[in-house]
Amino acid sequence: MSGFLPVPDVLAHLSGHWRVLRSVRDLASGAEGEFTGTTVFSPLDGGGLPHRESGTFVWQGVPRPAERTLRFLPGPAPGTADVRFADDRPFHDLDLTTGHWRTDHPCVADLYRGEFEVHDENHWRTTWQVGGPTKDLLLITDHTREPPHRGPSSRRPAAGSSGPRGPRP
C-alpha cells in the first residue's frame, strides 16, 4: 500500500472549500515565510474548476494580503487535469489516479518540481522545489477540506434535541 488515496475523478475530489497552510523557505538564505488562507474550487462554465486562493502571506515577519487564481481543466482521463494560470498559460499536468503525482514547470531559467499527495478525502499536500539561477525555494502546502457551508435553516436543532448538548432527558 502506498499510503495515498487514489482519486478516480480529480475535479470532483477537489471541488469545494479548503483551508490552506503553506510554508515557504529560501534554501539559500534560510529566510522563511508562511501563507494561511483558503482555496475555493467551484464549477467553471464549459467544464473544469477555477482555483481561487486568498489569504495572508507573512515573509520575515511582515504580513501582506496574497491571492492567485489557477484553472483546473479536464485532462484526458477523469483522474487527470490540465492546470493553467488565470491567463490560460500552461502550468502543469496532474494525474491523481494513484493519489500521488510528480510534475515539472519550467519558468524562464528556473525549474519548479512539484509533488502532489492525497492523504485522504479531506487532506492533500503539494510540495514545490524551485531551483535555478534566481531561486532556491521549498514550498509545502497542506490543504484541509472545510465542511460544506450550510444555510441558516440547517442550523436548527433536530426534533427532540436542545441544540448542541443533544436530546433532553
N, C-alpha and C. Protein backbone atom coordinates (compact mmCIF):
# COMPACT_ATOMS: atom_id res chain seq x y z
N MET A 1 0.84 -1.19 0.00
CA MET A 1 0.00 0.00 0.00
C MET A 1 0.88 1.25 0.00
N SER A 2 0.52 2.23 -0.81
CA SER A 2 1.34 3.42 -0.97
C SER A 2 1.11 4.46 0.11
N GLY A 3 0.00 4.39 0.82
CA GLY A 3 -0.32 5.41 1.80
C GLY A 3 -1.03 6.61 1.20
N PHE A 4 -1.30 6.57 -0.10
CA PHE A 4 -2.01 7.66 -0.77
C PHE A 4 -3.39 7.18 -1.19
N LEU A 5 -4.33 8.12 -1.27
CA LEU A 5 -5.69 7.80 -1.68
C LEU A 5 -5.82 7.97 -3.19
N PRO A 6 -6.10 6.90 -3.94
CA PRO A 6 -6.34 7.05 -5.37
C PRO A 6 -7.58 7.92 -5.61
N VAL A 7 -7.50 8.78 -6.61
CA VAL A 7 -8.58 9.71 -6.93
C VAL A 7 -9.08 9.41 -8.34
N PRO A 8 -10.25 8.78 -8.47
CA PRO A 8 -10.75 8.44 -9.80
C PRO A 8 -11.24 9.65 -10.60
N ASP A 9 -11.64 10.73 -9.93
CA ASP A 9 -12.11 11.94 -10.61
C ASP A 9 -11.54 13.15 -9.88
N VAL A 10 -10.44 13.69 -10.39
CA VAL A 10 -9.73 14.76 -9.69
C VAL A 10 -10.58 16.01 -9.52
N LEU A 11 -11.36 16.37 -10.53
CA LEU A 11 -12.16 17.60 -10.42
C LEU A 11 -13.26 17.45 -9.37
N ALA A 12 -13.90 16.30 -9.32
CA ALA A 12 -14.93 16.06 -8.30
C ALA A 12 -14.29 16.06 -6.90
N HIS A 13 -13.10 15.47 -6.79
CA HIS A 13 -12.44 15.39 -5.48
C HIS A 13 -12.05 16.79 -4.97
N LEU A 14 -11.55 17.64 -5.84
CA LEU A 14 -11.07 18.96 -5.41
C LEU A 14 -12.18 19.97 -5.18
N SER A 15 -13.33 19.75 -5.76
CA SER A 15 -14.42 20.71 -5.68
C SER A 15 -14.77 21.03 -4.22
N GLY A 16 -14.92 22.32 -3.94
CA GLY A 16 -15.28 22.75 -2.59
C GLY A 16 -14.32 23.77 -2.02
N HIS A 17 -14.39 23.90 -0.70
CA HIS A 17 -13.60 24.89 0.05
C HIS A 17 -12.51 24.17 0.85
N TRP A 18 -11.30 24.72 0.82
CA TRP A 18 -10.16 24.13 1.51
C TRP A 18 -9.44 25.19 2.33
N ARG A 19 -9.01 24.84 3.54
CA ARG A 19 -8.09 25.68 4.30
C ARG A 19 -6.69 25.38 3.79
N VAL A 20 -5.87 26.42 3.71
CA VAL A 20 -4.54 26.27 3.15
C VAL A 20 -3.49 26.78 4.14
N LEU A 21 -2.45 26.00 4.32
CA LEU A 21 -1.29 26.42 5.10
C LEU A 21 -0.05 26.08 4.28
N ARG A 22 0.72 27.11 3.92
CA ARG A 22 1.91 26.92 3.09
C ARG A 22 3.14 27.47 3.79
N SER A 23 4.16 26.65 3.92
CA SER A 23 5.45 27.13 4.41
C SER A 23 6.34 27.40 3.20
N VAL A 24 7.08 28.49 3.27
CA VAL A 24 7.99 28.88 2.19
C VAL A 24 9.36 29.08 2.82
N ARG A 25 10.36 28.40 2.26
CA ARG A 25 11.71 28.53 2.78
C ARG A 25 12.67 28.82 1.63
N ASP A 26 13.45 29.87 1.80
CA ASP A 26 14.52 30.18 0.85
C ASP A 26 15.72 29.35 1.29
N LEU A 27 16.06 28.33 0.52
CA LEU A 27 17.12 27.41 0.92
C LEU A 27 18.49 28.07 0.88
N ALA A 28 18.67 29.13 0.10
CA ALA A 28 19.95 29.81 0.02
C ALA A 28 20.19 30.71 1.24
N SER A 29 19.17 31.47 1.61
CA SER A 29 19.35 32.44 2.70
C SER A 29 18.86 31.94 4.06
N GLY A 30 17.98 30.94 4.04
CA GLY A 30 17.38 30.46 5.28
C GLY A 30 16.14 31.24 5.69
N ALA A 31 15.77 32.27 4.93
CA ALA A 31 14.58 33.05 5.25
C ALA A 31 13.34 32.15 5.12
N GLU A 32 12.32 32.44 5.97
CA GLU A 32 11.11 31.64 5.98
C GLU A 32 9.87 32.52 5.96
N GLY A 33 8.81 31.95 5.41
CA GLY A 33 7.54 32.64 5.39
C GLY A 33 6.41 31.63 5.48
N GLU A 34 5.18 32.16 5.61
CA GLU A 34 4.01 31.29 5.73
C GLU A 34 2.80 31.97 5.12
N PHE A 35 2.04 31.20 4.36
CA PHE A 35 0.77 31.66 3.81
C PHE A 35 -0.33 30.90 4.52
N THR A 36 -1.38 31.62 4.97
CA THR A 36 -2.57 30.99 5.52
C THR A 36 -3.77 31.59 4.82
N GLY A 37 -4.72 30.75 4.46
CA GLY A 37 -5.89 31.26 3.78
C GLY A 37 -6.81 30.14 3.34
N THR A 38 -7.51 30.38 2.26
CA THR A 38 -8.46 29.41 1.73
C THR A 38 -8.30 29.28 0.22
N THR A 39 -8.69 28.13 -0.26
CA THR A 39 -8.79 27.88 -1.70
C THR A 39 -10.20 27.39 -1.96
N VAL A 40 -10.83 27.95 -2.99
CA VAL A 40 -12.16 27.52 -3.40
C VAL A 40 -12.07 27.00 -4.82
N PHE A 41 -12.55 25.77 -5.01
CA PHE A 41 -12.69 25.17 -6.33
C PHE A 41 -14.19 25.14 -6.62
N SER A 42 -14.63 25.90 -7.60
CA SER A 42 -16.06 25.93 -7.94
C SER A 42 -16.21 25.67 -9.43
N PRO A 43 -17.40 25.23 -9.87
CA PRO A 43 -17.59 24.88 -11.28
C PRO A 43 -17.29 26.05 -12.21
N LEU A 44 -16.66 25.72 -13.34
CA LEU A 44 -16.30 26.68 -14.36
C LEU A 44 -17.17 26.44 -15.58
N ASP A 45 -17.75 27.50 -16.13
CA ASP A 45 -18.54 27.34 -17.36
C ASP A 45 -17.70 26.63 -18.41
N GLY A 46 -18.26 25.61 -19.02
CA GLY A 46 -17.54 24.84 -20.04
C GLY A 46 -16.73 23.70 -19.47
N GLY A 47 -16.78 23.49 -18.17
CA GLY A 47 -16.06 22.39 -17.53
C GLY A 47 -14.80 22.85 -16.84
N GLY A 48 -14.42 22.13 -15.82
CA GLY A 48 -13.23 22.47 -15.05
C GLY A 48 -13.58 23.23 -13.79
N LEU A 49 -12.53 23.63 -13.08
CA LEU A 49 -12.68 24.32 -11.81
C LEU A 49 -11.70 25.48 -11.73
N PRO A 50 -12.17 26.69 -11.42
CA PRO A 50 -11.20 27.72 -11.06
C PRO A 50 -10.72 27.46 -9.63
N HIS A 51 -9.47 27.69 -9.41
CA HIS A 51 -8.82 27.54 -8.11
C HIS A 51 -8.54 28.96 -7.64
N ARG A 52 -9.32 29.43 -6.67
CA ARG A 52 -9.16 30.80 -6.16
C ARG A 52 -8.61 30.73 -4.75
N GLU A 53 -7.39 31.22 -4.61
CA GLU A 53 -6.70 31.17 -3.33
C GLU A 53 -6.54 32.59 -2.81
N SER A 54 -6.86 32.79 -1.53
CA SER A 54 -6.67 34.11 -0.93
C SER A 54 -6.34 33.94 0.55
N GLY A 55 -5.55 34.87 1.05
CA GLY A 55 -5.17 34.81 2.45
C GLY A 55 -4.10 35.82 2.77
N THR A 56 -3.27 35.48 3.73
CA THR A 56 -2.20 36.36 4.18
C THR A 56 -0.86 35.63 4.08
N PHE A 57 0.10 36.31 3.47
CA PHE A 57 1.46 35.78 3.37
C PHE A 57 2.35 36.60 4.29
N VAL A 58 3.03 35.91 5.21
CA VAL A 58 3.94 36.57 6.13
C VAL A 58 5.36 36.17 5.72
N TRP A 59 6.16 37.15 5.32
CA TRP A 59 7.53 36.90 4.92
C TRP A 59 8.45 37.69 5.84
N GLN A 60 9.30 37.01 6.57
CA GLN A 60 10.22 37.61 7.52
C GLN A 60 9.50 38.58 8.46
N GLY A 61 8.34 38.12 8.96
CA GLY A 61 7.58 38.88 9.95
C GLY A 61 6.67 39.96 9.41
N VAL A 62 6.63 40.15 8.09
CA VAL A 62 5.80 41.20 7.50
C VAL A 62 4.60 40.56 6.80
N PRO A 63 3.37 40.78 7.32
CA PRO A 63 2.18 40.20 6.67
C PRO A 63 1.70 41.08 5.52
N ARG A 64 1.16 40.42 4.51
CA ARG A 64 0.53 41.14 3.40
C ARG A 64 -0.51 40.23 2.75
N PRO A 65 -1.56 40.83 2.19
CA PRO A 65 -2.57 40.00 1.51
C PRO A 65 -1.97 39.35 0.27
N ALA A 66 -2.45 38.15 -0.04
CA ALA A 66 -1.97 37.42 -1.21
C ALA A 66 -3.12 36.64 -1.82
N GLU A 67 -3.11 36.54 -3.12
CA GLU A 67 -4.13 35.75 -3.82
C GLU A 67 -3.59 35.29 -5.16
N ARG A 68 -4.19 34.23 -5.67
CA ARG A 68 -3.88 33.76 -7.02
C ARG A 68 -5.05 32.95 -7.53
N THR A 69 -5.13 32.87 -8.84
CA THR A 69 -6.17 32.08 -9.49
C THR A 69 -5.53 31.17 -10.52
N LEU A 70 -5.89 29.91 -10.46
CA LEU A 70 -5.49 28.92 -11.46
C LEU A 70 -6.75 28.32 -12.05
N ARG A 71 -6.61 27.61 -13.14
CA ARG A 71 -7.75 26.89 -13.73
C ARG A 71 -7.38 25.42 -13.86
N PHE A 72 -8.20 24.57 -13.28
CA PHE A 72 -8.03 23.13 -13.40
C PHE A 72 -9.03 22.65 -14.45
N LEU A 73 -8.54 22.29 -15.61
CA LEU A 73 -9.39 21.86 -16.71
C LEU A 73 -9.37 20.35 -16.83
N PRO A 74 -10.43 19.76 -17.39
CA PRO A 74 -10.44 18.30 -17.53
C PRO A 74 -9.24 17.83 -18.35
N GLY A 75 -8.59 16.76 -17.86
CA GLY A 75 -7.49 16.15 -18.59
C GLY A 75 -8.01 15.05 -19.49
N PRO A 76 -7.12 14.24 -20.04
CA PRO A 76 -7.54 13.18 -20.97
C PRO A 76 -8.31 12.04 -20.31
N ALA A 77 -8.24 11.92 -18.97
CA ALA A 77 -8.96 10.88 -18.23
C ALA A 77 -9.52 11.52 -16.95
N PRO A 78 -10.57 10.92 -16.33
CA PRO A 78 -11.20 11.54 -15.16
C PRO A 78 -10.26 11.84 -13.99
N GLY A 79 -9.24 11.07 -13.76
CA GLY A 79 -8.33 11.31 -12.66
C GLY A 79 -7.26 12.34 -12.96
N THR A 80 -7.37 13.00 -14.13
CA THR A 80 -6.32 13.92 -14.56
C THR A 80 -6.88 15.32 -14.78
N ALA A 81 -5.97 16.30 -14.77
CA ALA A 81 -6.35 17.68 -15.05
C ALA A 81 -5.20 18.39 -15.76
N ASP A 82 -5.56 19.40 -16.50
CA ASP A 82 -4.62 20.30 -17.16
C ASP A 82 -4.68 21.59 -16.36
N VAL A 83 -3.63 21.92 -15.61
CA VAL A 83 -3.63 23.09 -14.74
C VAL A 83 -3.01 24.26 -15.49
N ARG A 84 -3.75 25.37 -15.48
CA ARG A 84 -3.32 26.56 -16.21
C ARG A 84 -3.37 27.79 -15.31
N PHE A 85 -2.56 28.78 -15.66
CA PHE A 85 -2.62 30.06 -14.98
C PHE A 85 -3.91 30.76 -15.38
N ALA A 86 -4.28 31.80 -14.67
CA ALA A 86 -5.53 32.53 -14.95
C ALA A 86 -5.56 33.07 -16.39
N ASP A 87 -4.40 33.39 -16.96
CA ASP A 87 -4.34 33.92 -18.32
C ASP A 87 -4.26 32.82 -19.38
N ASP A 88 -4.48 31.57 -18.98
CA ASP A 88 -4.53 30.39 -19.84
C ASP A 88 -3.17 29.82 -20.24
N ARG A 89 -2.08 30.37 -19.72
CA ARG A 89 -0.77 29.75 -19.98
C ARG A 89 -0.71 28.41 -19.26
N PRO A 90 -0.08 27.40 -19.85
CA PRO A 90 0.04 26.10 -19.18
C PRO A 90 0.91 26.20 -17.93
N PHE A 91 0.49 25.50 -16.87
CA PHE A 91 1.29 25.42 -15.65
C PHE A 91 1.85 24.00 -15.53
N HIS A 92 0.96 23.00 -15.35
CA HIS A 92 1.44 21.62 -15.23
C HIS A 92 0.30 20.65 -15.45
N ASP A 93 0.66 19.39 -15.67
CA ASP A 93 -0.33 18.33 -15.75
C ASP A 93 -0.54 17.76 -14.35
N LEU A 94 -1.62 17.05 -14.17
CA LEU A 94 -1.93 16.47 -12.86
C LEU A 94 -2.68 15.16 -13.06
N ASP A 95 -2.17 14.11 -12.45
CA ASP A 95 -2.80 12.78 -12.53
C ASP A 95 -2.81 12.20 -11.12
N LEU A 96 -3.96 12.19 -10.48
CA LEU A 96 -4.07 11.70 -9.12
C LEU A 96 -4.72 10.32 -9.02
N THR A 97 -4.72 9.57 -10.12
CA THR A 97 -5.36 8.26 -10.10
C THR A 97 -4.70 7.31 -9.11
N THR A 98 -3.43 7.53 -8.76
CA THR A 98 -2.77 6.72 -7.73
C THR A 98 -2.69 7.46 -6.40
N GLY A 99 -3.15 8.73 -6.38
CA GLY A 99 -3.06 9.54 -5.18
C GLY A 99 -1.73 10.26 -5.03
N HIS A 100 -0.84 10.09 -6.01
CA HIS A 100 0.50 10.68 -5.95
C HIS A 100 0.93 11.06 -7.37
N TRP A 101 1.53 12.26 -7.50
CA TRP A 101 1.94 12.71 -8.83
C TRP A 101 3.14 13.63 -8.73
N ARG A 102 4.05 13.49 -9.67
CA ARG A 102 5.21 14.40 -9.79
C ARG A 102 5.16 15.06 -11.15
N THR A 103 5.50 16.35 -11.17
CA THR A 103 5.46 17.11 -12.41
C THR A 103 6.48 18.24 -12.35
N ASP A 104 6.80 18.80 -13.51
CA ASP A 104 7.74 19.91 -13.60
C ASP A 104 7.09 21.08 -14.31
N HIS A 105 7.58 22.29 -13.99
CA HIS A 105 7.16 23.50 -14.69
C HIS A 105 8.40 24.38 -14.88
N PRO A 106 8.88 24.48 -16.14
CA PRO A 106 9.99 25.41 -16.39
C PRO A 106 9.48 26.84 -16.38
N CYS A 107 10.17 27.72 -15.67
CA CYS A 107 9.76 29.12 -15.57
C CYS A 107 11.00 29.98 -15.84
N VAL A 108 11.10 30.49 -17.04
CA VAL A 108 12.27 31.22 -17.51
C VAL A 108 13.48 30.31 -17.27
N ALA A 109 14.44 30.71 -16.43
CA ALA A 109 15.63 29.88 -16.21
C ALA A 109 15.49 28.98 -14.99
N ASP A 110 14.40 29.09 -14.23
CA ASP A 110 14.19 28.28 -13.03
C ASP A 110 13.32 27.07 -13.36
N LEU A 111 13.43 26.04 -12.54
CA LEU A 111 12.61 24.85 -12.72
C LEU A 111 11.83 24.58 -11.43
N TYR A 112 10.51 24.47 -11.55
CA TYR A 112 9.63 24.10 -10.45
C TYR A 112 9.39 22.61 -10.55
N ARG A 113 9.73 21.86 -9.49
CA ARG A 113 9.46 20.43 -9.43
C ARG A 113 8.38 20.21 -8.39
N GLY A 114 7.23 19.70 -8.84
CA GLY A 114 6.09 19.54 -7.96
C GLY A 114 5.79 18.11 -7.61
N GLU A 115 5.29 17.92 -6.40
CA GLU A 115 4.83 16.60 -5.95
C GLU A 115 3.48 16.79 -5.26
N PHE A 116 2.51 15.97 -5.63
CA PHE A 116 1.15 16.03 -5.10
C PHE A 116 0.85 14.72 -4.39
N GLU A 117 0.29 14.82 -3.18
CA GLU A 117 -0.05 13.64 -2.39
C GLU A 117 -1.46 13.80 -1.83
N VAL A 118 -2.31 12.82 -2.08
CA VAL A 118 -3.65 12.82 -1.49
C VAL A 118 -3.62 11.83 -0.33
N HIS A 119 -3.81 12.34 0.88
CA HIS A 119 -3.71 11.50 2.07
C HIS A 119 -5.05 10.85 2.44
N ASP A 120 -6.14 11.58 2.25
CA ASP A 120 -7.48 11.02 2.46
C ASP A 120 -8.47 11.98 1.79
N GLU A 121 -9.75 11.76 2.00
CA GLU A 121 -10.77 12.59 1.35
C GLU A 121 -10.66 14.07 1.69
N ASN A 122 -10.07 14.37 2.84
CA ASN A 122 -10.07 15.74 3.35
C ASN A 122 -8.69 16.38 3.49
N HIS A 123 -7.63 15.70 3.02
CA HIS A 123 -6.28 16.23 3.18
C HIS A 123 -5.42 15.90 1.96
N TRP A 124 -4.77 16.92 1.42
CA TRP A 124 -3.78 16.69 0.37
C TRP A 124 -2.67 17.71 0.50
N ARG A 125 -1.52 17.39 -0.08
CA ARG A 125 -0.32 18.22 0.07
C ARG A 125 0.34 18.41 -1.28
N THR A 126 0.85 19.62 -1.49
CA THR A 126 1.72 19.88 -2.63
C THR A 126 3.08 20.33 -2.10
N THR A 127 4.12 19.88 -2.76
CA THR A 127 5.47 20.30 -2.45
C THR A 127 6.11 20.77 -3.75
N TRP A 128 6.60 21.99 -3.76
CA TRP A 128 7.31 22.52 -4.92
C TRP A 128 8.73 22.87 -4.50
N GLN A 129 9.70 22.31 -5.19
CA GLN A 129 11.10 22.70 -5.01
C GLN A 129 11.46 23.51 -6.25
N VAL A 130 11.92 24.73 -6.03
CA VAL A 130 12.21 25.65 -7.12
C VAL A 130 13.71 25.90 -7.13
N GLY A 131 14.35 25.62 -8.26
CA GLY A 131 15.77 25.83 -8.36
C GLY A 131 16.15 26.49 -9.66
N GLY A 132 17.23 27.24 -9.62
CA GLY A 132 17.74 27.90 -10.81
C GLY A 132 18.61 29.07 -10.41
N PRO A 133 18.94 29.88 -11.38
CA PRO A 133 19.84 31.00 -11.08
C PRO A 133 19.21 32.09 -10.21
N THR A 134 17.88 32.17 -10.17
CA THR A 134 17.25 33.25 -9.39
C THR A 134 16.52 32.76 -8.15
N LYS A 135 16.28 31.43 -8.04
CA LYS A 135 15.50 30.93 -6.91
C LYS A 135 16.07 29.62 -6.39
N ASP A 136 15.94 29.43 -5.08
CA ASP A 136 16.25 28.17 -4.42
C ASP A 136 15.27 28.05 -3.26
N LEU A 137 14.04 27.60 -3.58
CA LEU A 137 12.93 27.63 -2.63
C LEU A 137 12.34 26.26 -2.40
N LEU A 138 11.73 26.09 -1.23
CA LEU A 138 10.92 24.93 -0.92
C LEU A 138 9.58 25.43 -0.42
N LEU A 139 8.49 25.03 -1.10
CA LEU A 139 7.14 25.43 -0.73
C LEU A 139 6.33 24.17 -0.44
N ILE A 140 5.81 24.06 0.77
CA ILE A 140 4.98 22.91 1.15
C ILE A 140 3.61 23.44 1.56
N THR A 141 2.58 22.94 0.86
CA THR A 141 1.21 23.42 1.09
C THR A 141 0.33 22.27 1.53
N ASP A 142 -0.30 22.43 2.68
CA ASP A 142 -1.28 21.45 3.17
C ASP A 142 -2.67 22.01 2.97
N HIS A 143 -3.55 21.18 2.40
CA HIS A 143 -4.95 21.54 2.16
C HIS A 143 -5.83 20.67 3.04
N THR A 144 -6.76 21.28 3.75
CA THR A 144 -7.72 20.57 4.58
C THR A 144 -9.12 21.01 4.18
N ARG A 145 -9.95 20.05 3.81
CA ARG A 145 -11.31 20.37 3.35
C ARG A 145 -12.11 21.00 4.47
N GLU A 146 -12.80 22.09 4.14
CA GLU A 146 -13.72 22.70 5.09
C GLU A 146 -15.07 22.02 4.95
N PRO A 147 -15.83 21.93 6.05
CA PRO A 147 -17.16 21.33 5.95
C PRO A 147 -18.01 22.15 5.00
N PRO A 148 -19.00 21.52 4.35
CA PRO A 148 -19.88 22.28 3.45
C PRO A 148 -20.54 23.44 4.19
N HIS A 149 -20.68 24.55 3.49
CA HIS A 149 -21.36 25.71 4.07
C HIS A 149 -22.85 25.42 4.14
N ARG A 150 -23.43 25.74 5.27
CA ARG A 150 -24.86 25.46 5.47
C ARG A 150 -25.60 26.76 5.67
N GLY A 151 -26.80 26.77 5.19
CA GLY A 151 -27.66 27.95 5.36
C GLY A 151 -28.24 28.00 6.75
N PRO A 152 -28.91 29.09 7.11
CA PRO A 152 -29.47 29.25 8.45
C PRO A 152 -30.46 28.15 8.83
N SER A 153 -31.21 27.63 7.86
CA SER A 153 -32.22 26.63 8.21
C SER A 153 -31.58 25.32 8.65
N SER A 154 -30.34 25.04 8.21
CA SER A 154 -29.70 23.78 8.59
C SER A 154 -29.10 23.84 9.99
N ARG A 155 -29.14 24.99 10.63
CA ARG A 155 -28.57 25.12 11.97
C ARG A 155 -29.60 24.85 13.06
N ARG A 156 -30.84 24.65 12.69
CA ARG A 156 -31.87 24.38 13.70
C ARG A 156 -31.63 23.01 14.34
N PRO A 157 -31.83 22.90 15.65
CA PRO A 157 -31.68 21.59 16.29
C PRO A 157 -32.70 20.60 15.73
N ALA A 158 -32.33 19.35 15.70
CA ALA A 158 -33.24 18.30 15.25
C ALA A 158 -34.37 18.15 16.26
N ALA A 159 -35.48 17.61 15.81
CA ALA A 159 -36.62 17.39 16.72
C ALA A 159 -36.18 16.55 17.89
N GLY A 160 -36.58 16.95 19.08
CA GLY A 160 -36.25 16.19 20.28
C GLY A 160 -34.89 16.54 20.86
N SER A 161 -34.21 17.51 20.26
CA SER A 161 -32.91 17.88 20.81
C SER A 161 -32.97 19.30 21.32
N SER A 162 -32.03 19.65 22.13
CA SER A 162 -31.98 21.00 22.66
C SER A 162 -30.77 21.74 22.10
N GLY A 163 -30.32 21.33 20.95
CA GLY A 163 -29.18 22.00 20.34
C GLY A 163 -27.90 21.23 20.55
N PRO A 164 -26.81 21.92 20.80
CA PRO A 164 -25.51 21.27 20.84
C PRO A 164 -25.33 20.25 21.95
N ARG A 165 -26.13 20.32 22.98
CA ARG A 165 -25.96 19.37 24.08
C ARG A 165 -26.70 18.05 23.83
N GLY A 166 -27.49 17.98 22.79
CA GLY A 166 -28.19 16.74 22.48
C GLY A 166 -29.60 16.71 23.04
N PRO A 167 -30.25 15.53 23.03
CA PRO A 167 -31.63 15.43 23.47
C PRO A 167 -31.77 15.70 24.96
N ARG A 168 -32.93 16.20 25.29
CA ARG A 168 -33.25 16.41 26.71
C ARG A 168 -33.73 15.12 27.32
N PRO A 169 -33.41 14.92 28.59
CA PRO A 169 -33.88 13.68 29.24
C PRO A 169 -35.38 13.66 29.44
